Amino acid sequence: MIIVKTPLRISFFGGGSDFPKWYLKNSGQVISAGIDKYTYVFIRKLPTLFSYKYRLRYFNNEYTHSINKIKHPTIKAILEHMHNDKFGLDIAHNSDLPAQSGLGSSSAFTVGLIQGIYNLKKANISKYDLAQKAIYIEQDVLKENIGSQDQFSTSFGGFNNIKFNKKKIIVEPMKISNQKLNVFIKSCVLFFTGFSRNADEIEKDKIKKLDQNYRQYETICLIANEAKKIFYSSVNSDKMIDELSKLLSESWIVKKNLSEKVSNASIDELLKIALQNGATAGKLLGAGAGGFMLFLTRNSKDKKKLIEKLKKLQTVKFKIDTLGSHVIYSK
């Protein structure tokens, strides 16, 4: 039995500049973090006495004799490329938080399953190569409309500035003090809007309109770079949150302009209420249209006020994960 634990992620600044269509011609930059909420992939060799060769358990159950009959696209693609079919497998997936909610759960699962298959083969793989293989499966094999930050964020964990260009993707840990990082994380409030969404359709629309939104993507990159400068600056905590809030608000406006599918009247109203009740800025995570929403607050009093006002929504507390995807059990 092998158990792989892979963090979900929060993307703070720069999302969208990690689309290959953008960064292979230009350059991209994302500030994101793996968080202490996880997906778990369980893998074991299936004994031959069963009447099927592959047993898969996620939100559905599958029992099949061959890989080519597997319905789950990611599992099927990974096994086709990495498993020799000499023995059967029992694969199960669980997660701390709902899927399709803007926290990179799809890529976290891909990363986790690839990590598990390597461990099953008693082979090692670096975090960088793990992320690259996940990108290959999702972008090249499955042709998903997805960027390249989630695979690195979930593979590496930590609080990172991830740079994208046509030559290489670079994961640069944000070397700021624990005090500054704690101030920032404590200012964050994460709410679940109560519904998930189909990210692929939203991202497909953004990519389709990427060329006409060239200036918007330039702005996204500039905002991410300015955010990095603020994190590394010597400004006090209050000033840091104020400056980051301005950038987060600006990035949300830009994000909404990338596709009319990103937001809706309910989301806009929720943000309006939040800004009137303690939040200094906010945005939907991931593709948009639902899932988790992140807000920044100036102090504990404002944070408490915001949580009380939006008490009908579930709040999720989080910390930064420092390990990334790793095997927690193998026997």
C-alpha atoms as a PDB file:
ATOM      1  CA  MET A   1       0.000   0.000   0.000  1.00  0.00           C
ATOM      2  CA  ILE A   2       1.256   3.462  -0.938  1.00  0.00           C
ATOM      3  CA  ILE A   3      -0.273   6.710   0.295  1.00  0.00           C
ATOM      4  CA  VAL A   4       0.699  10.023  -1.287  1.00  0.00           C
ATOM      5  CA  LYS A   5      -0.159  13.353   0.328  1.00  0.00           C
ATOM      6  CA  THR A   6      -0.244  16.383  -1.984  1.00  0.00           C
ATOM      7  CA  PRO A   7      -1.107  19.957  -0.954  1.00  0.00           C
ATOM      8  CA  LEU A   8      -3.734  22.106  -2.574  1.00  0.00           C
ATOM      9  CA  ARG A   9      -2.635  25.622  -3.477  1.00  0.00           C
ATOM     10  CA  ILE A  10      -3.671  29.264  -3.319  1.00  0.00           C
ATOM     11  CA  SER A  11      -2.621  31.536  -6.173  1.00  0.00           C
ATOM     12  CA  PHE A  12      -2.259  35.088  -4.905  1.00  0.00           C
ATOM     13  CA  PHE A  13      -0.908  37.043  -7.888  1.00  0.00           C
ATOM     14  CA  GLY A  14      -0.096  36.410 -11.535  1.00  0.00           C
ATOM     15  CA  GLY A  15      -2.637  33.728 -12.405  1.00  0.00           C
ATOM     16  CA  GLY A  16      -3.180  33.562 -16.152  1.00  0.00           C
ATOM     17  CA  SER A  17       0.402  34.416 -17.055  1.00  0.00           C
ATOM     18  CA  ASP A  18       1.120  30.691 -16.601  1.00  0.00           C
ATOM     19  CA  PHE A  19      -0.853  29.748 -19.744  1.00  0.00           C
ATOM     20  CA  PRO A  20       1.659  28.247 -22.208  1.00  0.00           C
ATOM     21  CA  LYS A  21       0.097  30.297 -24.998  1.00  0.00           C
ATOM     22  CA  TRP A  22       1.246  33.371 -23.076  1.00  0.00           C
ATOM     23  CA  TYR A  23       4.595  32.492 -21.522  1.00  0.00           C
ATOM     24  CA  LEU A  24       6.050  30.618 -24.500  1.00  0.00           C
ATOM     25  CA  LYS A  25       6.031  33.952 -26.350  1.00  0.00           C
ATOM     26  CA  ASN A  26       6.357  36.277 -23.391  1.00  0.00           C
ATOM     27  CA  SER A  27       7.192  35.645 -19.741  1.00  0.00           C
ATOM     28  CA  GLY A  28       4.943  34.914 -16.777  1.00  0.00           C
ATOM     29  CA  GLN A  29       5.159  35.144 -13.012  1.00  0.00           C
ATOM     30  CA  VAL A  30       2.931  33.739 -10.278  1.00  0.00           C
ATOM     31  CA  ILE A  31       3.079  34.116  -6.496  1.00  0.00           C
ATOM     32  CA  SER A  32       1.389  31.103  -4.946  1.00  0.00           C
ATOM     33  CA  ALA A  33       1.574  28.723  -2.010  1.00  0.00           C
ATOM     34  CA  GLY A  34       0.886  25.128  -1.168  1.00  0.00           C
ATOM     35  CA  ILE A  35      -1.451  25.006   1.829  1.00  0.00           C
ATOM     36  CA  ASP A  36      -2.107  22.518   4.623  1.00  0.00           C
ATOM     37  CA  LYS A  37      -5.175  21.076   2.903  1.00  0.00           C
ATOM     38  CA  TYR A  38      -4.458  17.948   0.921  1.00  0.00           C
ATOM     39  CA  THR A  39      -5.442  15.353  -1.618  1.00  0.00           C
ATOM     40  CA  TYR A  40      -4.599  11.741  -0.806  1.00  0.00           C
ATOM     41  CA  VAL A  41      -3.937   9.032  -3.359  1.00  0.00           C
ATOM     42  CA  PHE A  42      -3.967   5.400  -2.211  1.00  0.00           C
ATOM     43  CA  ILE A  43      -2.390   2.776  -4.492  1.00  0.00           C
ATOM     44  CA  ARG A  44      -1.796  -0.916  -4.090  1.00  0.00           C
ATOM     45  CA  LYS A  45      -1.292  -3.917  -6.304  1.00  0.00           C
ATOM     46  CA  LEU A  46      -4.587  -5.721  -6.726  1.00  0.00           C
ATOM     47  CA  PRO A  47      -4.461  -9.458  -5.963  1.00  0.00           C
ATOM     48  CA  THR A  48      -5.261 -11.681  -8.955  1.00  0.00           C
ATOM     49  CA  LEU A  49      -8.174 -13.372  -7.177  1.00  0.00           C
ATOM     50  CA  PHE A  50     -10.477 -10.435  -7.988  1.00  0.00           C
ATOM     51  CA  SER A  51     -12.739 -10.657 -11.041  1.00  0.00           C
ATOM     52  CA  TYR A  52     -11.413  -7.312 -12.328  1.00  0.00           C
ATOM     53  CA  LYS A  53      -7.920  -5.911 -12.820  1.00  0.00           C
ATOM     54  CA  TYR A  54      -8.454  -2.250 -11.940  1.00  0.00           C
ATOM     55  CA  ARG A  55     -10.523  -0.909  -9.077  1.00  0.00           C
ATOM     56  CA  LEU A  56     -10.794   2.880  -8.992  1.00  0.00           C
ATOM     57  CA  ARG A  57     -12.522   4.854  -6.271  1.00  0.00           C
ATOM     58  CA  TYR A  58     -12.992   8.618  -6.493  1.00  0.00           C
ATOM     59  CA  PHE A  59     -16.423  10.333  -6.714  1.00  0.00           C
ATOM     60  CA  ASN A  60     -17.372   7.317  -8.838  1.00  0.00           C
ATOM     61  CA  ASN A  61     -16.344   3.660  -8.636  1.00  0.00           C
ATOM     62  CA  GLU A  62     -14.874   1.793 -11.586  1.00  0.00           C
ATOM     63  CA  TYR A  63     -14.131  -1.895 -12.006  1.00  0.00           C
ATOM     64  CA  THR A  64     -12.501  -2.907 -15.278  1.00  0.00           C
ATOM     65  CA  HIS A  65     -10.197  -5.471 -16.840  1.00  0.00           C
ATOM     66  CA  SER A  66      -8.074  -3.127 -18.917  1.00  0.00           C
ATOM     67  CA  ILE A  67      -6.610   0.370 -18.873  1.00  0.00           C
ATOM     68  CA  ASN A  68      -8.253   1.385 -22.144  1.00  0.00           C
ATOM     69  CA  LYS A  69     -11.676   0.894 -20.582  1.00  0.00           C
ATOM     70  CA  ILE A  70     -10.996   3.250 -17.674  1.00  0.00           C
ATOM     71  CA  LYS A  71     -13.325   6.266 -17.768  1.00  0.00           C
ATOM     72  CA  HIS A  72     -11.404   8.652 -15.508  1.00  0.00           C
ATOM     73  CA  PRO A  73      -9.258  10.540 -18.068  1.00  0.00           C
ATOM     74  CA  THR A  74      -6.328  11.387 -15.787  1.00  0.00           C
ATOM     75  CA  ILE A  75      -5.991   7.903 -14.313  1.00  0.00           C
ATOM     76  CA  LYS A  76      -6.278   6.368 -17.760  1.00  0.00           C
ATOM     77  CA  ALA A  77      -3.635   8.687 -19.258  1.00  0.00           C
ATOM     78  CA  ILE A  78      -1.149   8.170 -16.423  1.00  0.00           C
ATOM     79  CA  LEU A  79      -1.498   4.383 -16.471  1.00  0.00           C
ATOM     80  CA  GLU A  80      -1.209   4.256 -20.265  1.00  0.00           C
ATOM     81  CA  HIS A  81       2.076   6.152 -20.094  1.00  0.00           C
ATOM     82  CA  MET A  82       3.538   4.769 -16.864  1.00  0.00           C
ATOM     83  CA  HIS A  83       2.099   1.320 -16.075  1.00  0.00           C
ATOM     84  CA  ASN A  84       3.031  -1.847 -17.971  1.00  0.00           C
ATOM     85  CA  ASP A  85      -0.309  -3.591 -17.281  1.00  0.00           C
ATOM     86  CA  LYS A  86       1.420  -6.709 -15.913  1.00  0.00           C
ATOM     87  CA  PHE A  87      -0.532  -6.476 -12.672  1.00  0.00           C
ATOM     88  CA  GLY A  88      -3.744  -4.862 -11.518  1.00  0.00           C
ATOM     89  CA  LEU A  89      -4.107  -1.781  -9.330  1.00  0.00           C
ATOM     90  CA  ASP A  90      -6.423  -0.531  -6.643  1.00  0.00           C
ATOM     91  CA  ILE A  91      -6.476   3.293  -6.709  1.00  0.00           C
ATOM     92  CA  ALA A  92      -8.491   5.535  -4.393  1.00  0.00           C
ATOM     93  CA  HIS A  93      -8.632   9.299  -4.005  1.00  0.00           C
ATOM     94  CA  ASN A  94      -9.729  11.518  -1.115  1.00  0.00           C
ATOM     95  CA  SER A  95      -9.431  15.257  -0.518  1.00  0.00           C
ATOM     96  CA  ASP A  96      -9.748  17.639   2.412  1.00  0.00           C
ATOM     97  CA  LEU A  97     -11.727  20.151   0.308  1.00  0.00           C
ATOM     98  CA  PRO A  98     -14.173  19.990  -2.632  1.00  0.00           C
ATOM     99  CA  ALA A  99     -12.843  19.565  -6.160  1.00  0.00           C
ATOM    100  CA  GLN A 100     -13.324  22.126  -8.942  1.00  0.00           C
ATOM    101  CA  SER A 101     -13.134  24.978  -6.447  1.00  0.00           C
ATOM    102  CA  GLY A 102     -10.054  26.989  -7.443  1.00  0.00           C
ATOM    103  CA  LEU A 103      -7.404  25.340  -5.277  1.00  0.00           C
ATOM    104  CA  GLY A 104      -5.606  23.291  -7.915  1.00  0.00           C
ATOM    105  CA  SER A 105      -7.138  19.972  -6.863  1.00  0.00           C
ATOM    106  CA  SER A 106      -7.035  18.482 -10.364  1.00  0.00           C
ATOM    107  CA  SER A 107      -3.294  18.978 -10.720  1.00  0.00           C
ATOM    108  CA  ALA A 108      -2.735  17.909  -7.107  1.00  0.00           C
ATOM    109  CA  PHE A 109      -4.371  14.587  -7.963  1.00  0.00           C
ATOM    110  CA  THR A 110      -2.286  14.227 -11.133  1.00  0.00           C
ATOM    111  CA  VAL A 111       0.913  14.994  -9.225  1.00  0.00           C
ATOM    112  CA  GLY A 112      -0.042  12.625  -6.407  1.00  0.00           C
ATOM    113  CA  LEU A 113      -0.864   9.705  -8.689  1.00  0.00           C
ATOM    114  CA  ILE A 114       2.353  10.096 -10.681  1.00  0.00           C
ATOM    115  CA  GLN A 115       4.304  10.220  -7.410  1.00  0.00           C
ATOM    116  CA  GLY A 116       2.558   7.051  -6.276  1.00  0.00           C
ATOM    117  CA  ILE A 117       3.256   5.163  -9.505  1.00  0.00           C
ATOM    118  CA  TYR A 118       6.951   6.046  -9.253  1.00  0.00           C
ATOM    119  CA  ASN A 119       7.035   4.828  -5.664  1.00  0.00           C
ATOM    120  CA  LEU A 120       5.280   1.623  -6.715  1.00  0.00           C
ATOM    121  CA  LYS A 121       8.125   1.062  -9.163  1.00  0.00           C
ATOM    122  CA  LYS A 122      10.623   1.879  -6.390  1.00  0.00           C
ATOM    123  CA  ALA A 123      11.896   4.759  -8.511  1.00  0.00           C
ATOM    124  CA  ASN A 124      12.756   8.308  -7.472  1.00  0.00           C
ATOM    125  CA  ILE A 125      11.571  11.483  -9.133  1.00  0.00           C
ATOM    126  CA  SER A 126      12.491  15.083  -8.327  1.00  0.00           C
ATOM    127  CA  LYS A 127       9.806  17.628  -7.514  1.00  0.00           C
ATOM    128  CA  TYR A 128      10.661  19.506 -10.699  1.00  0.00           C
ATOM    129  CA  ASP A 129      10.344  16.433 -12.927  1.00  0.00           C
ATOM    130  CA  LEU A 130       7.157  15.458 -11.103  1.00  0.00           C
ATOM    131  CA  ALA A 131       5.592  18.804 -11.983  1.00  0.00           C
ATOM    132  CA  GLN A 132       6.789  18.563 -15.580  1.00  0.00           C
ATOM    133  CA  LYS A 133       5.303  15.093 -16.012  1.00  0.00           C
ATOM    134  CA  ALA A 134       1.995  16.331 -14.610  1.00  0.00           C
ATOM    135  CA  ILE A 135       2.054  19.191 -17.141  1.00  0.00           C
ATOM    136  CA  TYR A 136       2.762  16.690 -19.921  1.00  0.00           C
ATOM    137  CA  ILE A 137      -0.221  14.519 -18.927  1.00  0.00           C
ATOM    138  CA  GLU A 138      -2.638  17.431 -18.521  1.00  0.00           C
ATOM    139  CA  GLN A 139      -1.578  19.696 -21.395  1.00  0.00           C
ATOM    140  CA  ASP A 140      -0.076  17.391 -24.022  1.00  0.00           C
ATOM    141  CA  VAL A 141      -1.957  14.130 -23.507  1.00  0.00           C
ATOM    142  CA  LEU A 142      -5.346  15.266 -22.235  1.00  0.00           C
ATOM    143  CA  LYS A 143      -5.261  18.639 -24.037  1.00  0.00           C
ATOM    144  CA  GLU A 144      -6.747  20.360 -20.991  1.00  0.00           C
ATOM    145  CA  ASN A 145      -7.152  24.127 -20.925  1.00  0.00           C
ATOM    146  CA  ILE A 146      -4.882  24.623 -17.955  1.00  0.00           C
ATOM    147  CA  GLY A 147      -1.861  26.662 -16.926  1.00  0.00           C
ATOM    148  CA  SER A 148       1.459  25.471 -15.511  1.00  0.00           C
ATOM    149  CA  GLN A 149       1.483  26.860 -11.983  1.00  0.00           C
ATOM    150  CA  ASP A 150      -0.673  24.283 -10.176  1.00  0.00           C
ATOM    151  CA  GLN A 151       1.613  21.375 -10.982  1.00  0.00           C
ATOM    152  CA  PHE A 152       4.632  23.191  -9.518  1.00  0.00           C
ATOM    153  CA  SER A 153       2.784  24.634  -6.511  1.00  0.00           C
ATOM    154  CA  THR A 154       1.393  21.250  -5.498  1.00  0.00           C
ATOM    155  CA  SER A 155       4.612  19.379  -6.215  1.00  0.00           C
ATOM    156  CA  PHE A 156       6.917  21.788  -4.336  1.00  0.00           C
ATOM    157  CA  GLY A 157       4.664  23.223  -1.615  1.00  0.00           C
ATOM    158  CA  GLY A 158       5.930  26.351   0.135  1.00  0.00           C
ATOM    159  CA  PHE A 159       5.410  30.039  -0.641  1.00  0.00           C
ATOM    160  CA  ASN A 160       6.927  30.663  -4.054  1.00  0.00           C
ATOM    161  CA  ASN A 161       7.460  33.057  -6.896  1.00  0.00           C
ATOM    162  CA  ILE A 162       7.193  30.860 -10.002  1.00  0.00           C
ATOM    163  CA  LYS A 163       8.645  32.253 -13.223  1.00  0.00           C
ATOM    164  CA  PHE A 164       7.649  31.044 -16.679  1.00  0.00           C
ATOM    165  CA  ASN A 165       9.394  31.488 -20.023  1.00  0.00           C
ATOM    166  CA  LYS A 166       9.945  29.451 -23.178  1.00  0.00           C
ATOM    167  CA  LYS A 167      13.233  28.022 -21.905  1.00  0.00           C
ATOM    168  CA  LYS A 168      12.405  26.980 -18.360  1.00  0.00           C
ATOM    169  CA  ILE A 169      10.055  27.236 -15.409  1.00  0.00           C
ATOM    170  CA  ILE A 170      11.817  28.437 -12.263  1.00  0.00           C
ATOM    171  CA  VAL A 171      10.520  27.923  -8.725  1.00  0.00           C
ATOM    172  CA  GLU A 172      11.916  30.663  -6.510  1.00  0.00           C
ATOM    173  CA  PRO A 173      11.027  30.345  -2.798  1.00  0.00           C
ATOM    174  CA  MET A 174       9.922  33.680  -1.349  1.00  0.00           C
ATOM    175  CA  LYS A 175      12.705  34.453   1.122  1.00  0.00           C
ATOM    176  CA  ILE A 176      10.810  36.657   3.545  1.00  0.00           C
ATOM    177  CA  SER A 177      10.756  36.525   7.327  1.00  0.00           C
ATOM    178  CA  ASN A 178       8.361  34.211   9.144  1.00  0.00           C
ATOM    179  CA  GLN A 179       6.961  37.276  10.869  1.00  0.00           C
ATOM    180  CA  LYS A 180       6.083  38.939   7.571  1.00  0.00           C
ATOM    181  CA  LEU A 181       4.664  35.725   6.129  1.00  0.00           C
ATOM    182  CA  ASN A 182       2.553  35.137   9.242  1.00  0.00           C
ATOM    183  CA  VAL A 183       1.173  38.681   9.071  1.00  0.00           C
ATOM    184  CA  PHE A 184       0.143  38.123   5.478  1.00  0.00           C
ATOM    185  CA  ILE A 185      -1.445  34.703   6.073  1.00  0.00           C
ATOM    186  CA  LYS A 186      -3.299  35.985   9.145  1.00  0.00           C
ATOM    187  CA  SER A 187      -4.738  38.795   7.032  1.00  0.00           C
ATOM    188  CA  CYS A 188      -6.237  36.243   4.634  1.00  0.00           C
ATOM    189  CA  VAL A 189      -9.748  34.849   4.944  1.00  0.00           C
ATOM    190  CA  LEU A 190     -10.791  31.935   2.756  1.00  0.00           C
ATOM    191  CA  PHE A 191     -14.497  31.339   2.126  1.00  0.00           C
ATOM    192  CA  PHE A 192     -16.198  28.577   0.172  1.00  0.00           C
ATOM    193  CA  THR A 193     -18.940  30.072  -1.986  1.00  0.00           C
ATOM    194  CA  GLY A 194     -20.878  26.821  -1.767  1.00  0.00           C
ATOM    195  CA  PHE A 195     -20.659  25.694  -5.352  1.00  0.00           C
ATOM    196  CA  SER A 196     -18.048  24.293  -7.716  1.00  0.00           C
ATOM    197  CA  ARG A 197     -17.670  25.017 -11.406  1.00  0.00           C
ATOM    198  CA  ASN A 198     -16.210  23.682 -14.647  1.00  0.00           C
ATOM    199  CA  ALA A 199     -12.817  25.388 -14.817  1.00  0.00           C
ATOM    200  CA  ASP A 200     -11.996  23.984 -18.250  1.00  0.00           C
ATOM    201  CA  GLU A 201     -14.752  25.950 -19.993  1.00  0.00           C
ATOM    202  CA  ILE A 202     -13.737  29.209 -18.295  1.00  0.00           C
ATOM    203  CA  GLU A 203     -10.033  28.745 -19.027  1.00  0.00           C
ATOM    204  CA  LYS A 204     -10.819  27.767 -22.620  1.00  0.00           C
ATOM    205  CA  ASP A 205     -12.644  31.062 -23.075  1.00  0.00           C
ATOM    206  CA  LYS A 206      -9.716  33.002 -21.583  1.00  0.00           C
ATOM    207  CA  ILE A 207      -7.191  31.279 -23.835  1.00  0.00           C
ATOM    208  CA  LYS A 208      -9.384  31.876 -26.880  1.00  0.00           C
ATOM    209  CA  LYS A 209      -9.361  35.605 -26.126  1.00  0.00           C
ATOM    210  CA  LEU A 210      -5.741  35.803 -25.001  1.00  0.00           C
ATOM    211  CA  ASP A 211      -4.402  37.687 -28.011  1.00  0.00           C
ATOM    212  CA  GLN A 212      -7.058  40.369 -27.810  1.00  0.00           C
ATOM    213  CA  ASN A 213      -6.380  40.682 -24.066  1.00  0.00           C
ATOM    214  CA  TYR A 214      -2.611  41.055 -24.504  1.00  0.00           C
ATOM    215  CA  ARG A 215      -2.452  44.261 -22.418  1.00  0.00           C
ATOM    216  CA  GLN A 216      -4.421  42.635 -19.627  1.00  0.00           C
ATOM    217  CA  TYR A 217      -1.898  39.807 -19.352  1.00  0.00           C
ATOM    218  CA  GLU A 218       0.943  42.310 -19.344  1.00  0.00           C
ATOM    219  CA  THR A 219      -0.787  43.995 -16.420  1.00  0.00           C
ATOM    220  CA  ILE A 220      -1.168  40.667 -14.618  1.00  0.00           C
ATOM    221  CA  CYS A 221       2.604  40.146 -14.848  1.00  0.00           C
ATOM    222  CA  LEU A 222       3.340  43.685 -13.677  1.00  0.00           C
ATOM    223  CA  ILE A 223       1.019  43.255 -10.681  1.00  0.00           C
ATOM    224  CA  ALA A 224       2.748  40.013  -9.683  1.00  0.00           C
ATOM    225  CA  ASN A 225       6.138  41.712  -9.912  1.00  0.00           C
ATOM    226  CA  GLU A 226       4.939  44.666  -7.826  1.00  0.00           C
ATOM    227  CA  ALA A 227       3.553  42.261  -5.214  1.00  0.00           C
ATOM    228  CA  LYS A 228       6.951  40.568  -5.025  1.00  0.00           C
ATOM    229  CA  LYS A 229       8.603  43.946  -4.438  1.00  0.00           C
ATOM    230  CA  ILE A 230       6.183  44.714  -1.600  1.00  0.00           C
ATOM    231  CA  PHE A 231       6.852  41.372   0.083  1.00  0.00           C
ATOM    232  CA  TYR A 232      10.582  42.094  -0.058  1.00  0.00           C
ATOM    233  CA  SER A 233      10.305  45.748   0.947  1.00  0.00           C
ATOM    234  CA  SER A 234      10.881  47.165   4.438  1.00  0.00           C
ATOM    235  CA  VAL A 235       7.378  48.635   4.820  1.00  0.00           C
ATOM    236  CA  ASN A 236       5.556  47.905   8.093  1.00  0.00           C
ATOM    237  CA  SER A 237       2.832  45.267   8.330  1.00  0.00           C
ATOM    238  CA  ASP A 238      -0.123  47.636   7.918  1.00  0.00           C
ATOM    239  CA  LYS A 239       1.444  49.282   4.880  1.00  0.00           C
ATOM    240  CA  MET A 240       2.221  45.884   3.367  1.00  0.00           C
ATOM    241  CA  ILE A 241      -1.396  44.716   3.647  1.00  0.00           C
ATOM    242  CA  ASP A 242      -2.692  48.023   2.272  1.00  0.00           C
ATOM    243  CA  GLU A 243      -0.374  47.872  -0.739  1.00  0.00           C
ATOM    244  CA  LEU A 244      -1.071  44.192  -1.419  1.00  0.00           C
ATOM    245  CA  SER A 245      -4.810  44.867  -1.120  1.00  0.00           C
ATOM    246  CA  LYS A 246      -4.578  47.509  -3.844  1.00  0.00           C
ATOM    247  CA  LEU A 247      -2.825  45.040  -6.110  1.00  0.00           C
ATOM    248  CA  LEU A 248      -5.275  42.235  -5.332  1.00  0.00           C
ATOM    249  CA  SER A 249      -8.209  44.524  -6.156  1.00  0.00           C
ATOM    250  CA  GLU A 250      -6.560  45.558  -9.403  1.00  0.00           C
ATOM    251  CA  SER A 251      -5.813  41.962 -10.334  1.00  0.00           C
ATOM    252  CA  TRP A 252      -9.451  40.987  -9.742  1.00  0.00           C
ATOM    253  CA  ILE A 253     -10.647  43.733 -12.086  1.00  0.00           C
ATOM    254  CA  VAL A 254      -8.200  42.537 -14.740  1.00  0.00           C
ATOM    255  CA  LYS A 255      -9.203  38.915 -14.211  1.00  0.00           C
ATOM    256  CA  LYS A 256     -12.881  39.713 -14.731  1.00  0.00           C
ATOM    257  CA  ASN A 257     -12.005  41.392 -18.027  1.00  0.00           C
ATOM    258  CA  LEU A 258     -10.403  38.204 -19.365  1.00  0.00           C
ATOM    259  CA  SER A 259     -13.776  36.484 -19.731  1.00  0.00           C
ATOM    260  CA  GLU A 260     -17.392  37.252 -18.873  1.00  0.00           C
ATOM    261  CA  LYS A 261     -17.501  33.734 -17.400  1.00  0.00           C
ATOM    262  CA  VAL A 262     -15.167  34.658 -14.510  1.00  0.00           C
ATOM    263  CA  SER A 263     -17.750  36.376 -12.296  1.00  0.00           C
ATOM    264  CA  ASN A 264     -21.508  36.821 -11.954  1.00  0.00           C
ATOM    265  CA  ALA A 265     -23.984  38.979 -10.066  1.00  0.00           C
ATOM    266  CA  SER A 266     -23.864  36.791  -6.942  1.00  0.00           C
ATOM    267  CA  ILE A 267     -20.072  36.910  -6.753  1.00  0.00           C
ATOM    268  CA  ASP A 268     -20.016  40.663  -7.358  1.00  0.00           C
ATOM    269  CA  GLU A 269     -22.555  41.192  -4.577  1.00  0.00           C
ATOM    270  CA  LEU A 270     -20.582  38.983  -2.208  1.00  0.00           C
ATOM    271  CA  LEU A 271     -17.445  41.011  -2.847  1.00  0.00           C
ATOM    272  CA  LYS A 272     -19.346  44.255  -2.330  1.00  0.00           C
ATOM    273  CA  ILE A 273     -20.673  43.091   1.037  1.00  0.00           C
ATOM    274  CA  ALA A 274     -17.219  41.891   2.094  1.00  0.00           C
ATOM    275  CA  LEU A 275     -15.587  45.224   1.243  1.00  0.00           C
ATOM    276  CA  GLN A 276     -18.202  47.001   3.375  1.00  0.00           C
ATOM    277  CA  ASN A 277     -17.567  44.687   6.306  1.00  0.00           C
ATOM    278  CA  GLY A 278     -13.864  44.394   7.019  1.00  0.00           C
ATOM    279  CA  ALA A 279     -12.257  43.179   3.799  1.00  0.00           C
ATOM    280  CA  THR A 280      -9.693  45.377   2.064  1.00  0.00           C
ATOM    281  CA  ALA A 281      -9.696  43.304  -1.144  1.00  0.00           C
ATOM    282  CA  GLY A 282     -10.920  40.004  -2.520  1.00  0.00           C
ATOM    283  CA  LYS A 283     -10.989  37.700  -5.511  1.00  0.00           C
ATOM    284  CA  LEU A 284     -12.154  34.281  -6.618  1.00  0.00           C
ATOM    285  CA  LEU A 285      -9.412  31.688  -6.752  1.00  0.00           C
ATOM    286  CA  GLY A 286      -8.665  29.603  -9.795  1.00  0.00           C
ATOM    287  CA  ALA A 287     -10.590  30.034 -13.026  1.00  0.00           C
ATOM    288  CA  GLY A 288     -13.481  31.931 -11.421  1.00  0.00           C
ATOM    289  CA  ALA A 289     -17.294  31.624 -11.356  1.00  0.00           C
ATOM    290  CA  GLY A 290     -17.377  29.822  -7.987  1.00  0.00           C
ATOM    291  CA  GLY A 291     -15.337  27.772  -5.588  1.00  0.00           C
ATOM    292  CA  PHE A 292     -13.208  29.513  -2.974  1.00  0.00           C
ATOM    293  CA  MET A 293     -12.925  33.256  -2.505  1.00  0.00           C
ATOM    294  CA  LEU A 294      -9.953  34.909  -0.833  1.00  0.00           C
ATOM    295  CA  PHE A 295     -10.149  38.184   1.095  1.00  0.00           C
ATOM    296  CA  LEU A 296      -7.525  40.327   2.781  1.00  0.00           C
ATOM    297  CA  THR A 297      -8.225  42.133   6.060  1.00  0.00           C
ATOM    298  CA  ARG A 298      -6.240  44.804   7.901  1.00  0.00           C
ATOM    299  CA  ASN A 299      -6.516  43.451  11.479  1.00  0.00           C
ATOM    300  CA  SER A 300      -8.165  40.829  13.682  1.00  0.00           C
ATOM    301  CA  LYS A 301     -11.136  43.096  14.405  1.00  0.00           C
ATOM    302  CA  ASP A 302     -11.934  43.517  10.714  1.00  0.00           C
ATOM    303  CA  LYS A 303     -11.341  39.820  10.120  1.00  0.00           C
ATOM    304  CA  LYS A 304     -13.829  38.888  12.842  1.00  0.00           C
ATOM    305  CA  LYS A 305     -16.352  41.360  11.425  1.00  0.00           C
ATOM    306  CA  LEU A 306     -16.031  39.855   7.947  1.00  0.00           C
ATOM    307  CA  ILE A 307     -16.423  36.275   9.166  1.00  0.00           C
ATOM    308  CA  GLU A 308     -19.497  37.232  11.184  1.00  0.00           C
ATOM    309  CA  LYS A 309     -21.088  39.034   8.230  1.00  0.00           C
ATOM    310  CA  LEU A 310     -20.496  36.089   5.904  1.00  0.00           C
ATOM    311  CA  LYS A 311     -21.268  33.425   8.494  1.00  0.00           C
ATOM    312  CA  LYS A 312     -23.572  31.621   6.071  1.00  0.00           C
ATOM    313  CA  LEU A 313     -20.452  30.682   4.125  1.00  0.00           C
ATOM    314  CA  GLN A 314     -17.887  28.207   5.417  1.00  0.00           C
ATOM    315  CA  THR A 315     -14.525  29.643   6.422  1.00  0.00           C
ATOM    316  CA  VAL A 316     -11.406  27.542   5.926  1.00  0.00           C
ATOM    317  CA  LYS A 317      -8.332  28.322   8.005  1.00  0.00           C
ATOM    318  CA  PHE A 318      -5.029  27.462   6.388  1.00  0.00           C
ATOM    319  CA  LYS A 319      -1.272  27.507   6.849  1.00  0.00           C
ATOM    320  CA  ILE A 320       1.563  27.151   4.367  1.00  0.00           C
ATOM    321  CA  ASP A 321       2.585  23.600   3.530  1.00  0.00           C
ATOM    322  CA  THR A 322       6.357  23.180   3.417  1.00  0.00           C
ATOM    323  CA  LEU A 323       6.800  19.638   2.093  1.00  0.00           C
ATOM    324  CA  GLY A 324       4.915  19.505  -1.191  1.00  0.00           C
ATOM    325  CA  SER A 325       3.796  16.169  -2.611  1.00  0.00           C
ATOM    326  CA  HIS A 326       5.326  13.242  -0.757  1.00  0.00           C
ATOM    327  CA  VAL A 327       4.764   9.612   0.162  1.00  0.00           C
ATOM    328  CA  ILE A 328       3.543   9.236   3.725  1.00  0.00           C
ATOM    329  CA  TYR A 329       3.195   5.455   3.707  1.00  0.00           C
ATOM    330  CA  SER A 330       4.789   2.726   1.606  1.00  0.00           C
ATOM    331  CA  LYS A 331       4.777  -0.961   2.421  1.00  0.00           C
END
